[in-house]
C-alpha atoms as a PDB file:
ATOM      1  CA  UNK A   1       0.000   0.000   0.000  1.00  0.00           C
ATOM      2  CA  UNK A   2       1.197   3.521  -0.784  1.00  0.00           C
ATOM      3  CA  UNK A   3       2.597   5.631   2.062  1.00  0.00           C
ATOM      4  CA  UNK A   4       1.884   9.368   2.006  1.00  0.00           C
ATOM      5  CA  UNK A   5       4.459  11.747   3.479  1.00  0.00           C
ATOM      6  CA  UNK A   6       3.049  15.187   4.269  1.00  0.00           C
ATOM      7  CA  UNK A   7       4.900  18.435   4.953  1.00  0.00           C
ATOM      8  CA  UNK A   8       2.338  20.526   6.821  1.00  0.00           C
ATOM      9  CA  UNK A   9       2.371  24.135   7.936  1.00  0.00           C
ATOM     10  CA  UNK A  10      -0.440  25.971   9.691  1.00  0.00           C
ATOM     11  CA  UNK A  11      -3.516  24.555   7.938  1.00  0.00           C
ATOM     12  CA  UNK A  12      -4.838  21.534   9.877  1.00  0.00           C
ATOM     13  CA  UNK A  13      -8.346  21.803   8.400  1.00  0.00           C
ATOM     14  CA  UNK A  14      -7.226  21.118   4.825  1.00  0.00           C
ATOM     15  CA  UNK A  15      -4.942  18.297   5.927  1.00  0.00           C
ATOM     16  CA  UNK A  16      -7.751  16.707   7.942  1.00  0.00           C
ATOM     17  CA  UNK A  17      -9.900  16.505   4.805  1.00  0.00           C
ATOM     18  CA  UNK A  18      -7.044  15.099   2.737  1.00  0.00           C
ATOM     19  CA  UNK A  19      -6.320  12.482   5.399  1.00  0.00           C
ATOM     20  CA  UNK A  20      -9.995  11.495   5.356  1.00  0.00           C
ATOM     21  CA  UNK A  21      -9.802  10.664   1.645  1.00  0.00           C
ATOM     22  CA  UNK A  22      -6.382   8.980   1.862  1.00  0.00           C
ATOM     23  CA  UNK A  23      -7.466   6.567   4.626  1.00  0.00           C
ATOM     24  CA  UNK A  24      -6.768   3.760   5.348  1.00  0.00           C
ATOM     25  CA  UNK A  25      -3.300   4.304   3.826  1.00  0.00           C
ATOM     26  CA  UNK A  26      -0.409   5.082   6.147  1.00  0.00           C
ATOM     27  CA  UNK A  27       0.262   8.835   6.438  1.00  0.00           C
ATOM     28  CA  UNK A  28       3.374  10.325   8.033  1.00  0.00           C
ATOM     29  CA  UNK A  29       3.421  14.034   8.820  1.00  0.00           C
ATOM     30  CA  UNK A  30       6.002  16.691   9.573  1.00  0.00           C
ATOM     31  CA  UNK A  31       4.303  19.735  11.080  1.00  0.00           C
ATOM     32  CA  UNK A  32       6.523  22.799  10.879  1.00  0.00           C
ATOM     33  CA  UNK A  33       8.016  23.645  14.280  1.00  0.00           C
ATOM     34  CA  UNK A  34       6.435  27.105  14.076  1.00  0.00           C
ATOM     35  CA  UNK A  35       2.929  25.554  13.919  1.00  0.00           C
ATOM     36  CA  UNK A  36       0.759  24.049  16.661  1.00  0.00           C
ATOM     37  CA  UNK A  37       0.789  20.316  15.937  1.00  0.00           C
ATOM     38  CA  UNK A  38      -1.926  19.602  18.539  1.00  0.00           C
ATOM     39  CA  UNK A  39      -4.515  21.035  16.112  1.00  0.00           C
ATOM     40  CA  UNK A  40      -3.877  18.229  13.612  1.00  0.00           C
ATOM     41  CA  UNK A  41      -6.088  15.109  13.515  1.00  0.00           C
ATOM     42  CA  UNK A  42      -5.050  11.911  15.256  1.00  0.00           C
ATOM     43  CA  UNK A  43      -5.799   8.482  13.824  1.00  0.00           C
ATOM     44  CA  UNK A  44      -4.322   4.980  13.859  1.00  0.00           C
ATOM     45  CA  UNK A  45      -3.027   5.442  10.282  1.00  0.00           C
ATOM     46  CA  UNK A  46      -1.425   8.863  10.907  1.00  0.00           C
ATOM     47  CA  UNK A  47       2.049   9.221  12.452  1.00  0.00           C
ATOM     48  CA  UNK A  48       3.682  12.534  13.349  1.00  0.00           C
ATOM     49  CA  UNK A  49       7.352  13.472  13.471  1.00  0.00           C
ATOM     50  CA  UNK A  50       8.424  14.024  17.066  1.00  0.00           C
ATOM     51  CA  UNK A  51      11.553  15.942  16.067  1.00  0.00           C
ATOM     52  CA  UNK A  52      10.340  18.907  14.037  1.00  0.00           C
ATOM     53  CA  UNK A  53      12.245  21.453  11.952  1.00  0.00           C
ATOM     54  CA  UNK A  54      11.613  25.183  11.795  1.00  0.00           C
ATOM     55  CA  UNK A  55      11.310  25.438   8.024  1.00  0.00           C
ATOM     56  CA  UNK A  56      12.270  28.744   6.405  1.00  0.00           C
ATOM     57  CA  UNK A  57      10.893  29.646   2.992  1.00  0.00           C
ATOM     58  CA  UNK A  58      13.416  28.945   0.232  1.00  0.00           C
ATOM     59  CA  UNK A  59      15.957  27.459   2.634  1.00  0.00           C
ATOM     60  CA  UNK A  60      17.717  24.144   3.146  1.00  0.00           C
ATOM     61  CA  UNK A  61      15.628  23.557   6.260  1.00  0.00           C
ATOM     62  CA  UNK A  62      12.928  22.159   3.935  1.00  0.00           C
ATOM     63  CA  UNK A  63      15.373  19.482   2.779  1.00  0.00           C
ATOM     64  CA  UNK A  64      16.165  18.585   6.395  1.00  0.00           C
ATOM     65  CA  UNK A  65      12.478  18.253   7.226  1.00  0.00           C
ATOM     66  CA  UNK A  66      11.895  16.069   4.153  1.00  0.00           C
ATOM     67  CA  UNK A  67      14.814  13.771   4.985  1.00  0.00           C
ATOM     68  CA  UNK A  68      13.386  13.221   8.471  1.00  0.00           C
ATOM     69  CA  UNK A  69       9.952  12.587   7.008  1.00  0.00           C
ATOM     70  CA  UNK A  70      11.315  10.069   4.513  1.00  0.00           C
ATOM     71  CA  UNK A  71      12.947   8.202   7.384  1.00  0.00           C
ATOM     72  CA  UNK A  72       9.604   7.810   9.143  1.00  0.00           C
ATOM     73  CA  UNK A  73       7.851   6.900   5.881  1.00  0.00           C
ATOM     74  CA  UNK A  74      10.313   4.061   5.258  1.00  0.00           C
ATOM     75  CA  UNK A  75       9.400   2.570   8.642  1.00  0.00           C
ATOM     76  CA  UNK A  76       5.808   2.260   7.394  1.00  0.00           C
ATOM     77  CA  UNK A  77       6.683   0.617   4.073  1.00  0.00           C
ATOM     78  CA  UNK A  78       6.165  -3.137   3.934  1.00  0.00           C
ATOM     79  CA  UNK A  79       8.467  -3.619   0.934  1.00  0.00           C
ATOM     80  CA  UNK A  80      11.026  -1.672  -1.131  1.00  0.00           C
ATOM     81  CA  UNK A  81       8.527  -1.653  -4.004  1.00  0.00           C
ATOM     82  CA  UNK A  82       5.940   0.412  -2.147  1.00  0.00           C
ATOM     83  CA  UNK A  83       5.752   4.069  -3.104  1.00  0.00           C
ATOM     84  CA  UNK A  84       6.207   7.094  -0.889  1.00  0.00           C
ATOM     85  CA  UNK A  85       4.206  10.053  -2.210  1.00  0.00           C
ATOM     86  CA  UNK A  86       5.307  13.467  -0.974  1.00  0.00           C
ATOM     87  CA  UNK A  87       2.498  15.963  -0.366  1.00  0.00           C
ATOM     88  CA  UNK A  88       2.084  19.333   1.281  1.00  0.00           C
ATOM     89  CA  UNK A  89      -0.554  19.976   3.916  1.00  0.00           C
ATOM     90  CA  UNK A  90      -2.456  21.952   1.268  1.00  0.00           C
ATOM     91  CA  UNK A  91      -2.624  19.214  -1.364  1.00  0.00           C
ATOM     92  CA  UNK A  92      -5.971  17.493  -1.900  1.00  0.00           C
ATOM     93  CA  UNK A  93      -6.841  14.326  -3.864  1.00  0.00           C
ATOM     94  CA  UNK A  94      -8.857  14.760  -7.053  1.00  0.00           C
ATOM     95  CA  UNK A  95      -9.026  11.067  -8.016  1.00  0.00           C
ATOM     96  CA  UNK A  96      -9.636   7.893  -6.012  1.00  0.00           C
ATOM     97  CA  UNK A  97      -6.453   6.504  -4.510  1.00  0.00           C
ATOM     98  CA  UNK A  98      -7.197   3.079  -5.966  1.00  0.00           C
ATOM     99  CA  UNK A  99      -6.394   4.645  -9.351  1.00  0.00           C
ATOM    100  CA  UNK A 100      -3.013   5.726  -8.011  1.00  0.00           C
ATOM    101  CA  UNK A 101      -2.327   2.225  -6.689  1.00  0.00           C
ATOM    102  CA  UNK A 102      -3.167   0.853 -10.149  1.00  0.00           C
ATOM    103  CA  UNK A 103      -0.698   3.270 -11.741  1.00  0.00           C
ATOM    104  CA  UNK A 104       2.056   2.133  -9.402  1.00  0.00           C
ATOM    105  CA  UNK A 105       1.271  -1.555  -9.958  1.00  0.00           C
ATOM    106  CA  UNK A 106       1.244  -1.169 -13.748  1.00  0.00           C
ATOM    107  CA  UNK A 107       4.595   0.656 -13.817  1.00  0.00           C
ATOM    108  CA  UNK A 108       6.611  -0.832 -10.926  1.00  0.00           C
ATOM    109  CA  UNK A 109       9.871   1.007 -10.241  1.00  0.00           C
ATOM    110  CA  UNK A 110       8.949   4.125 -12.230  1.00  0.00           C
ATOM    111  CA  UNK A 111      10.252   7.396 -10.816  1.00  0.00           C
ATOM    112  CA  UNK A 112       7.810  10.295 -10.587  1.00  0.00           C
ATOM    113  CA  UNK A 113      10.439  13.001 -10.273  1.00  0.00           C
ATOM    114  CA  UNK A 114      10.570  15.109 -13.449  1.00  0.00           C
ATOM    115  CA  UNK A 115      13.406  17.599 -13.663  1.00  0.00           C
ATOM    116  CA  UNK A 116      15.274  20.001 -15.938  1.00  0.00           C
ATOM    117  CA  UNK A 117      18.988  20.812 -16.058  1.00  0.00           C
ATOM    118  CA  UNK A 118      19.944  23.944 -14.114  1.00  0.00           C
ATOM    119  CA  UNK A 119      23.403  24.692 -15.520  1.00  0.00           C
ATOM    120  CA  UNK A 120      21.906  25.304 -18.945  1.00  0.00           C
ATOM    121  CA  UNK A 121      23.120  28.826 -19.729  1.00  0.00           C
ATOM    122  CA  UNK A 122      19.904  30.389 -18.432  1.00  0.00           C
ATOM    123  CA  UNK A 123      20.874  33.053 -15.879  1.00  0.00           C
ATOM    124  CA  UNK A 124      17.735  32.637 -13.766  1.00  0.00           C
ATOM    125  CA  UNK A 125      18.264  28.885 -13.464  1.00  0.00           C
ATOM    126  CA  UNK A 126      21.989  29.014 -12.833  1.00  0.00           C
ATOM    127  CA  UNK A 127      21.865  31.685 -10.149  1.00  0.00           C
ATOM    128  CA  UNK A 128      19.646  29.413  -8.023  1.00  0.00           C
ATOM    129  CA  UNK A 129      22.744  27.356  -7.200  1.00  0.00           C
ATOM    130  CA  UNK A 130      25.635  29.671  -8.099  1.00  0.00           C
ATOM    131  CA  UNK A 131      24.451  32.602  -5.996  1.00  0.00           C
ATOM    132  CA  UNK A 132      24.240  32.139  -2.214  1.00  0.00           C
ATOM    133  CA  UNK A 133      20.814  33.084  -0.877  1.00  0.00           C
ATOM    134  CA  UNK A 134      21.042  32.529   2.919  1.00  0.00           C
ATOM    135  CA  UNK A 135      17.286  32.126   3.386  1.00  0.00           C
ATOM    136  CA  UNK A 136      17.695  29.957   6.490  1.00  0.00           C
ATOM    137  CA  UNK A 137      19.830  32.602   8.161  1.00  0.00           C
ATOM    138  CA  UNK A 138      17.742  35.602   7.078  1.00  0.00           C
ATOM    139  CA  UNK A 139      14.029  34.778   6.895  1.00  0.00           C
ATOM    140  CA  UNK A 140      12.626  35.979   3.541  1.00  0.00           C
ATOM    141  CA  UNK A 141       9.077  35.993   4.911  1.00  0.00           C
ATOM    142  CA  UNK A 142       9.787  38.769   7.415  1.00  0.00           C
ATOM    143  CA  UNK A 143       8.015  42.034   6.668  1.00  0.00           C
ATOM    144  CA  UNK A 144       8.405  45.662   7.701  1.00  0.00           C
ATOM    145  CA  UNK A 145      11.623  46.955   9.271  1.00  0.00           C
ATOM    146  CA  UNK A 146      12.788  43.452  10.209  1.00  0.00           C
ATOM    147  CA  UNK A 147      12.265  42.256   6.639  1.00  0.00           C
ATOM    148  CA  UNK A 148      14.257  45.154   5.216  1.00  0.00           C
ATOM    149  CA  UNK A 149      17.066  44.551   7.707  1.00  0.00           C
ATOM    150  CA  UNK A 150      17.154  40.854   6.814  1.00  0.00           C
ATOM    151  CA  UNK A 151      17.241  41.655   3.093  1.00  0.00           C
ATOM    152  CA  UNK A 152      20.183  44.029   3.602  1.00  0.00           C
ATOM    153  CA  UNK A 153      22.042  41.525   5.774  1.00  0.00           C
ATOM    154  CA  UNK A 154      21.413  38.806   3.207  1.00  0.00           C
ATOM    155  CA  UNK A 155      22.775  40.995   0.418  1.00  0.00           C
ATOM    156  CA  UNK A 156      25.903  41.842   2.426  1.00  0.00           C
ATOM    157  CA  UNK A 157      26.464  38.143   3.114  1.00  0.00           C
ATOM    158  CA  UNK A 158      26.130  37.414  -0.607  1.00  0.00           C
ATOM    159  CA  UNK A 159      28.703  40.056  -1.470  1.00  0.00           C
ATOM    160  CA  UNK A 160      31.098  38.856   1.220  1.00  0.00           C
ATOM    161  CA  UNK A 161      30.887  35.183   0.236  1.00  0.00           C
ATOM    162  CA  UNK A 162      30.746  35.630  -3.539  1.00  0.00           C
ATOM    163  CA  UNK A 163      29.122  33.205  -5.983  1.00  0.00           C
ATOM    164  CA  UNK A 164      29.983  29.576  -6.511  1.00  0.00           C
ATOM    165  CA  UNK A 165      31.759  28.413  -9.653  1.00  0.00           C
ATOM    166  CA  UNK A 166      30.267  26.069 -12.236  1.00  0.00           C
ATOM    167  CA  UNK A 167      33.287  23.821 -11.675  1.00  0.00           C
ATOM    168  CA  UNK A 168      32.120  23.239  -8.079  1.00  0.00           C
ATOM    169  CA  UNK A 169      29.393  21.019  -9.561  1.00  0.00           C
ATOM    170  CA  UNK A 170      31.667  18.953 -11.802  1.00  0.00           C
ATOM    171  CA  UNK A 171      30.562  15.335 -12.043  1.00  0.00           C
ATOM    172  CA  UNK A 172      27.041  16.094 -10.797  1.00  0.00           C
ATOM    173  CA  UNK A 173      23.778  16.278 -12.720  1.00  0.00           C
ATOM    174  CA  UNK A 174      22.189  19.403 -11.255  1.00  0.00           C
ATOM    175  CA  UNK A 175      18.470  19.494 -11.966  1.00  0.00           C
ATOM    176  CA  UNK A 176      15.310  21.040 -10.533  1.00  0.00           C
ATOM    177  CA  UNK A 177      11.619  20.202 -10.608  1.00  0.00           C
ATOM    178  CA  UNK A 178       8.540  20.008  -8.434  1.00  0.00           C
ATOM    179  CA  UNK A 179       9.317  18.731  -4.933  1.00  0.00           C
ATOM    180  CA  UNK A 180       6.016  16.791  -4.866  1.00  0.00           C
ATOM    181  CA  UNK A 181       7.347  13.456  -6.066  1.00  0.00           C
ATOM    182  CA  UNK A 182       6.551   9.751  -5.796  1.00  0.00           C
ATOM    183  CA  UNK A 183       9.435   7.294  -5.406  1.00  0.00           C
ATOM    184  CA  UNK A 184       9.786   3.606  -4.505  1.00  0.00           C
ATOM    185  CA  UNK A 185      10.827   3.030  -0.902  1.00  0.00           C
ATOM    186  CA  UNK A 186      13.875   1.071  -2.013  1.00  0.00           C
ATOM    187  CA  UNK A 187      15.145   4.008  -4.068  1.00  0.00           C
ATOM    188  CA  UNK A 188      14.626   6.450  -1.199  1.00  0.00           C
ATOM    189  CA  UNK A 189      16.417   4.106   1.198  1.00  0.00           C
ATOM    190  CA  UNK A 190      19.385   3.786  -1.156  1.00  0.00           C
ATOM    191  CA  UNK A 191      19.521   7.553  -1.703  1.00  0.00           C
ATOM    192  CA  UNK A 192      19.546   8.281   2.024  1.00  0.00           C
ATOM    193  CA  UNK A 193      22.331   5.723   2.508  1.00  0.00           C
ATOM    194  CA  UNK A 194      24.556   7.496  -0.047  1.00  0.00           C
ATOM    195  CA  UNK A 195      26.281   9.609   2.612  1.00  0.00           C
ATOM    196  CA  UNK A 196      29.182  10.927   0.539  1.00  0.00           C
ATOM    197  CA  UNK A 197      27.030  12.229  -2.308  1.00  0.00           C
ATOM    198  CA  UNK A 198      24.467  13.661   0.106  1.00  0.00           C
ATOM    199  CA  UNK A 199      27.183  15.487   2.029  1.00  0.00           C
ATOM    200  CA  UNK A 200      28.553  17.019  -1.165  1.00  0.00           C
ATOM    201  CA  UNK A 201      25.124  18.162  -2.316  1.00  0.00           C
ATOM    202  CA  UNK A 202      24.381  19.529   1.140  1.00  0.00           C
ATOM    203  CA  UNK A 203      27.508  21.668   1.096  1.00  0.00           C
ATOM    204  CA  UNK A 204      26.734  22.951  -2.395  1.00  0.00           C
ATOM    205  CA  UNK A 205      23.014  23.582  -1.838  1.00  0.00           C
ATOM    206  CA  UNK A 206      22.715  24.685   1.793  1.00  0.00           C
ATOM    207  CA  UNK A 207      22.499  28.324   0.643  1.00  0.00           C
ATOM    208  CA  UNK A 208      20.743  27.672  -2.703  1.00  0.00           C
ATOM    209  CA  UNK A 209      17.341  29.041  -3.665  1.00  0.00           C
ATOM    210  CA  UNK A 210      14.546  26.544  -2.890  1.00  0.00           C
ATOM    211  CA  UNK A 211      16.904  23.545  -2.640  1.00  0.00           C
ATOM    212  CA  UNK A 212      13.956  21.246  -1.897  1.00  0.00           C
ATOM    213  CA  UNK A 213      13.261  21.425  -5.644  1.00  0.00           C
ATOM    214  CA  UNK A 214      16.900  20.610  -6.422  1.00  0.00           C
ATOM    215  CA  UNK A 215      18.515  18.386  -3.773  1.00  0.00           C
ATOM    216  CA  UNK A 216      16.563  15.127  -4.124  1.00  0.00           C
ATOM    217  CA  UNK A 217      16.244  15.477  -7.891  1.00  0.00           C
ATOM    218  CA  UNK A 218      20.000  16.015  -8.288  1.00  0.00           C
ATOM    219  CA  UNK A 219      20.726  13.170  -5.872  1.00  0.00           C
ATOM    220  CA  UNK A 220      18.499  10.874  -7.923  1.00  0.00           C
ATOM    221  CA  UNK A 221      20.103  11.756 -11.262  1.00  0.00           C
ATOM    222  CA  UNK A 222      23.694  12.127 -10.041  1.00  0.00           C
ATOM    223  CA  UNK A 223      23.629   8.839  -8.139  1.00  0.00           C
ATOM    224  CA  UNK A 224      22.485   6.735 -11.057  1.00  0.00           C
ATOM    225  CA  UNK A 225      19.046   5.725  -9.782  1.00  0.00           C
ATOM    226  CA  UNK A 226      17.312   7.507 -12.636  1.00  0.00           C
ATOM    227  CA  UNK A 227      19.444   5.678 -15.200  1.00  0.00           C
ATOM    228  CA  UNK A 228      18.739   2.350 -13.502  1.00  0.00           C
ATOM    229  CA  UNK A 229      15.004   3.033 -13.732  1.00  0.00           C
ATOM    230  CA  UNK A 230      15.333   4.100 -17.375  1.00  0.00           C
ATOM    231  CA  UNK A 231      13.996   7.573 -16.550  1.00  0.00           C
ATOM    232  CA  UNK A 232      14.083  10.123 -19.384  1.00  0.00           C
ATOM    233  CA  UNK A 233      17.331  12.047 -19.653  1.00  0.00           C
ATOM    234  CA  UNK A 234      16.711  15.574 -18.319  1.00  0.00           C
ATOM    235  CA  UNK A 235      16.777  18.418 -20.815  1.00  0.00           C
ATOM    236  CA  UNK A 236      17.728  22.054 -20.107  1.00  0.00           C
ATOM    237  CA  UNK A 237      15.156  23.683 -17.865  1.00  0.00           C
ATOM    238  CA  UNK A 238      15.124  26.875 -19.925  1.00  0.00           C
ATOM    239  CA  UNK A 239      12.209  29.161 -19.153  1.00  0.00           C
ATOM    240  CA  UNK A 240       9.942  26.382 -17.908  1.00  0.00           C
ATOM    241  CA  UNK A 241       8.474  26.904 -14.449  1.00  0.00           C
ATOM    242  CA  UNK A 242       8.298  24.492 -11.533  1.00  0.00           C
ATOM    243  CA  UNK A 243       4.651  23.729 -12.344  1.00  0.00           C
ATOM    244  CA  UNK A 244       5.755  22.468 -15.761  1.00  0.00           C
ATOM    245  CA  UNK A 245       7.563  19.631 -13.976  1.00  0.00           C
ATOM    246  CA  UNK A 246       4.572  18.451 -11.944  1.00  0.00           C
ATOM    247  CA  UNK A 247       4.449  14.695 -11.429  1.00  0.00           C
ATOM    248  CA  UNK A 248       1.083  13.576 -10.052  1.00  0.00           C
ATOM    249  CA  UNK A 249      -0.220  17.058  -9.242  1.00  0.00           C
ATOM    250  CA  UNK A 250      -2.111  19.888 -10.819  1.00  0.00           C
ATOM    251  CA  UNK A 251      -0.096  22.960  -9.789  1.00  0.00           C
ATOM    252  CA  UNK A 252      -1.025  26.509 -10.687  1.00  0.00           C
ATOM    253  CA  UNK A 253       1.856  28.173 -12.524  1.00  0.00           C
ATOM    254  CA  UNK A 254       1.975  31.026 -10.021  1.00  0.00           C
ATOM    255  CA  UNK A 255       2.873  28.449  -7.313  1.00  0.00           C
ATOM    256  CA  UNK A 256       1.200  30.738  -4.756  1.00  0.00           C
ATOM    257  CA  UNK A 257      -2.457  30.862  -5.804  1.00  0.00           C
ATOM    258  CA  UNK A 258      -5.070  29.039  -3.740  1.00  0.00           C
ATOM    259  CA  UNK A 259      -7.476  27.113  -5.947  1.00  0.00           C
ATOM    260  CA  UNK A 260     -11.202  27.724  -5.502  1.00  0.00           C
ATOM    261  CA  UNK A 261     -13.711  24.871  -5.412  1.00  0.00           C
ATOM    262  CA  UNK A 262     -14.841  25.901  -8.914  1.00  0.00           C
ATOM    263  CA  UNK A 263     -11.263  25.650 -10.152  1.00  0.00           C
ATOM    264  CA  UNK A 264     -10.921  22.224  -8.541  1.00  0.00           C
ATOM    265  CA  UNK A 265     -14.024  21.027 -10.392  1.00  0.00           C
ATOM    266  CA  UNK A 266     -12.575  22.295 -13.674  1.00  0.00           C
ATOM    267  CA  UNK A 267      -9.362  20.267 -13.380  1.00  0.00           C
ATOM    268  CA  UNK A 268      -8.949  17.599 -16.022  1.00  0.00           C
ATOM    269  CA  UNK A 269      -8.035  14.623 -13.843  1.00  0.00           C
ATOM    270  CA  UNK A 270      -6.366  12.685 -16.666  1.00  0.00           C
ATOM    271  CA  UNK A 271      -2.956  11.836 -15.247  1.00  0.00           C
ATOM    272  CA  UNK A 272      -3.542  14.059 -12.201  1.00  0.00           C
ATOM    273  CA  UNK A 273      -4.223  12.699  -8.730  1.00  0.00           C
ATOM    274  CA  UNK A 274      -3.723  15.740  -6.489  1.00  0.00           C
ATOM    275  CA  UNK A 275      -4.174  19.508  -6.623  1.00  0.00           C
ATOM    276  CA  UNK A 276      -2.126  22.207  -4.899  1.00  0.00           C
ATOM    277  CA  UNK A 277      -2.729  24.704  -3.249  1.00  0.00           C
ATOM    278  CA  UNK A 278      -6.067  24.503  -1.450  1.00  0.00           C
ATOM    279  CA  UNK A 279      -7.322  26.133   1.726  1.00  0.00           C
ATOM    280  CA  UNK A 280     -10.361  24.836   3.632  1.00  0.00           C
ATOM    281  CA  UNK A 281     -12.033  28.179   4.313  1.00  0.00           C
ATOM    282  CA  UNK A 282     -15.320  26.261   4.448  1.00  0.00           C
ATOM    283  CA  UNK A 283     -14.435  22.628   5.262  1.00  0.00           C
ATOM    284  CA  UNK A 284     -17.968  21.385   4.529  1.00  0.00           C
ATOM    285  CA  UNK A 285     -17.994  22.835   1.026  1.00  0.00           C
ATOM    286  CA  UNK A 286     -14.503  21.537   0.283  1.00  0.00           C
ATOM    287  CA  UNK A 287     -15.400  18.050   1.548  1.00  0.00           C
ATOM    288  CA  UNK A 288     -18.438  17.878  -0.738  1.00  0.00           C
ATOM    289  CA  UNK A 289     -16.377  19.174  -3.660  1.00  0.00           C
ATOM    290  CA  UNK A 290     -13.766  16.474  -3.174  1.00  0.00           C
ATOM    291  CA  UNK A 291     -16.433  13.801  -2.802  1.00  0.00           C
ATOM    292  CA  UNK A 292     -17.943  14.966  -6.074  1.00  0.00           C
ATOM    293  CA  UNK A 293     -14.580  14.852  -7.841  1.00  0.00           C
ATOM    294  CA  UNK A 294     -13.814  11.351  -6.648  1.00  0.00           C
ATOM    295  CA  UNK A 295     -17.315  10.141  -7.503  1.00  0.00           C
ATOM    296  CA  UNK A 296     -17.028  11.734 -10.966  1.00  0.00           C
ATOM    297  CA  UNK A 297     -13.848   9.801 -11.583  1.00  0.00           C
ATOM    298  CA  UNK A 298     -15.454   6.566 -10.387  1.00  0.00           C
ATOM    299  CA  UNK A 299     -18.178   6.961 -13.023  1.00  0.00           C
ATOM    300  CA  UNK A 300     -15.750   7.304 -15.938  1.00  0.00           C
END
């Protein structure tokens, strides 16, 4: 059975609905250390990380939280062939999970981790890993005087440290894509055991921009797991956005917009199993919307 690994932050109502539709599958959850985890639902099939990370937007702390979450997810997997699906606390299912299980059974070992090459000559892509961003040290979400002070301090730190060189990444396949992936447990276990490669990527990406969209993807392609699974060779990322590399999700190209219930109903569920981002402003309405979507798919 599929195991769902959820990175949650401050929206227990939406997660509670998602968990309702994912049951009885095993769900493991990392609730951001800045959020009250007592507000999240408890159930026999839901396990919570005891050691939580204070995740900063755009920082390497997201990678740390995900690594911890993967460790707990692997404890729930009955075999290396089971899949671990990474979700946010604001992802909702738009198709029955039996359809997802069928997908995984029909294509055993497939890697749902699309990515594009970062060192492709595109300045926007390359500066994500060549420039040092320091988002864990200086919180980019701060506003007002504190936000301006953090931005100045971050800029001074960038000037003092200077950029990385392309040669620092020699021998690695540096790629980026959507962090919301689905991977076999055996692949995740092997990746986490590759200490030397992980340590190198950690050093190179600990000050990168949104390394959660880079670290695991680059680990997968640099370590040879993608080649072993006959995954498509990544092409230059170019001007494609993160949403263009979605795996099992519908993701709005803005990456920040919250989808309305009308927009959820309009999603073409062909090849899509989840939608992001959703907020349960009216949990009853959202529950009925999701029930309708899953029932619609059952009738096809």
